[in-house]
Protein backbone atom coordinates (compact mmCIF):
# COMPACT_ATOMS: atom_id res chain seq x y z
CA MET A 1 73.59 78.14 15.27
CA MET A 2 71.47 75.37 16.69
CA GLN A 3 71.16 72.22 14.72
CA GLU A 4 67.60 71.30 13.83
CA GLN A 5 66.24 68.44 15.87
CA GLN A 6 66.22 65.15 14.07
CA LYS A 7 62.57 64.23 13.83
CA ARG A 8 61.22 60.91 12.75
CA PHE A 9 57.81 59.36 12.57
CA ILE A 10 56.90 55.85 13.59
CA TYR A 11 53.82 53.68 13.86
CA VAL A 12 53.72 51.87 17.20
CA ILE A 13 51.69 48.66 17.03
CA GLU A 14 50.63 47.40 20.44
CA THR A 15 49.20 44.04 21.37
CA ALA A 16 48.44 42.74 24.86
CA THR A 17 51.94 41.28 25.07
CA GLU A 18 54.24 43.35 22.87
CA SER A 19 54.91 46.62 21.15
CA ARG A 20 56.38 46.90 17.65
CA GLU A 21 57.70 49.97 15.85
CA LEU A 22 57.47 50.58 12.13
CA LEU A 23 59.71 53.37 10.89
CA ILE A 24 58.09 55.78 8.45
CA GLU A 25 60.18 57.28 5.66
CA ASP A 26 60.11 61.05 5.18
CA ASN A 27 58.53 60.66 1.73
CA GLU A 28 55.60 58.73 3.25
CA ILE A 29 54.54 61.63 5.48
CA LEU A 30 51.69 63.79 4.25
CA GLU A 31 50.42 67.10 5.55
CA ASN A 32 46.72 67.69 5.02
CA ALA A 33 45.00 71.02 4.37
CA ASP A 34 44.61 71.62 8.12
CA GLY A 35 48.35 71.24 8.61
CA GLU A 36 47.91 67.88 10.31
CA ILE A 37 50.52 65.19 9.78
CA ASP A 38 49.29 61.94 8.35
CA CYS A 39 50.72 58.80 6.88
CA PRO A 40 48.76 56.03 5.14
CA LEU A 41 48.99 53.03 7.44
CA ASP A 42 48.46 50.53 4.62
CA SER A 43 51.50 51.76 2.66
CA VAL A 44 53.76 51.46 5.71
CA LEU A 45 52.37 48.01 6.50
CA SER A 46 52.97 46.80 2.96
CA LYS A 47 56.60 47.95 3.20
CA TYR A 48 56.92 45.57 6.15
CA LYS A 49 55.05 42.84 4.24
CA LEU A 50 52.01 43.24 6.49
CA GLY A 51 48.34 43.99 5.89
CA LEU A 52 45.36 44.97 8.01
CA GLU A 53 44.43 41.28 8.21
CA ASP A 54 47.77 40.65 9.92
CA LEU A 55 46.97 43.27 12.54
CA PHE A 56 43.67 41.55 13.30
CA ALA A 57 45.44 38.17 13.41
CA MET A 58 48.01 39.61 15.84
CA LYS A 59 45.11 40.86 18.00
CA VAL A 60 46.47 44.40 17.87
CA ALA A 61 44.96 46.71 20.49
CA THR A 62 46.13 50.07 19.12
CA VAL A 63 48.19 51.54 16.32
CA SER A 64 49.65 54.94 17.12
CA LEU A 65 51.29 57.45 14.80
CA MET A 66 54.09 59.06 16.82
CA GLU A 67 56.54 61.86 16.22
CA GLU A 68 59.90 61.27 17.83
CA ALA A 69 62.48 64.00 18.44
CA CYS A 70 65.42 63.79 20.85
CA SER A 71 64.00 60.71 22.54
CA ALA A 72 60.75 62.54 23.31
CA ARG A 73 57.61 61.14 21.74
CA LYS A 74 54.48 62.96 20.77
CA LEU A 75 51.29 61.10 19.93
CA ILE A 76 49.73 62.36 16.70
CA ARG A 77 46.91 59.87 16.28
CA SER A 78 45.93 56.54 17.73
CA ILE A 79 43.61 53.95 16.22
CA SER A 80 41.95 51.48 18.55
CA PHE A 81 41.49 48.06 17.01
CA GLU A 82 39.31 46.85 19.89
CA ASN A 83 36.21 48.40 18.31
CA LEU A 84 37.21 47.49 14.77
CA ARG A 85 37.59 43.83 15.71
CA LEU A 86 34.04 43.72 17.02
CA ASN A 87 32.71 44.90 13.66
CA LYS A 88 34.56 42.29 11.63
């Protein structure tokens, strides 16, 4: 019997100079009516004592929700902060 792959979800926060990973707990993952995986970014940020303002202050380029299994990563959704910054 094959063991089920250990899956985990992370938010990858990328700036021009660095990349940071925020681990998402299983209980923070939601599945919407369309069967899409989602996770509220603000709740994960608050767990790490961060807020959206911090992301703007860090000049974040993108925040990506990733699924990781056996060292392979799959992009679920990516938010570009470039456009958001212009609107602030």
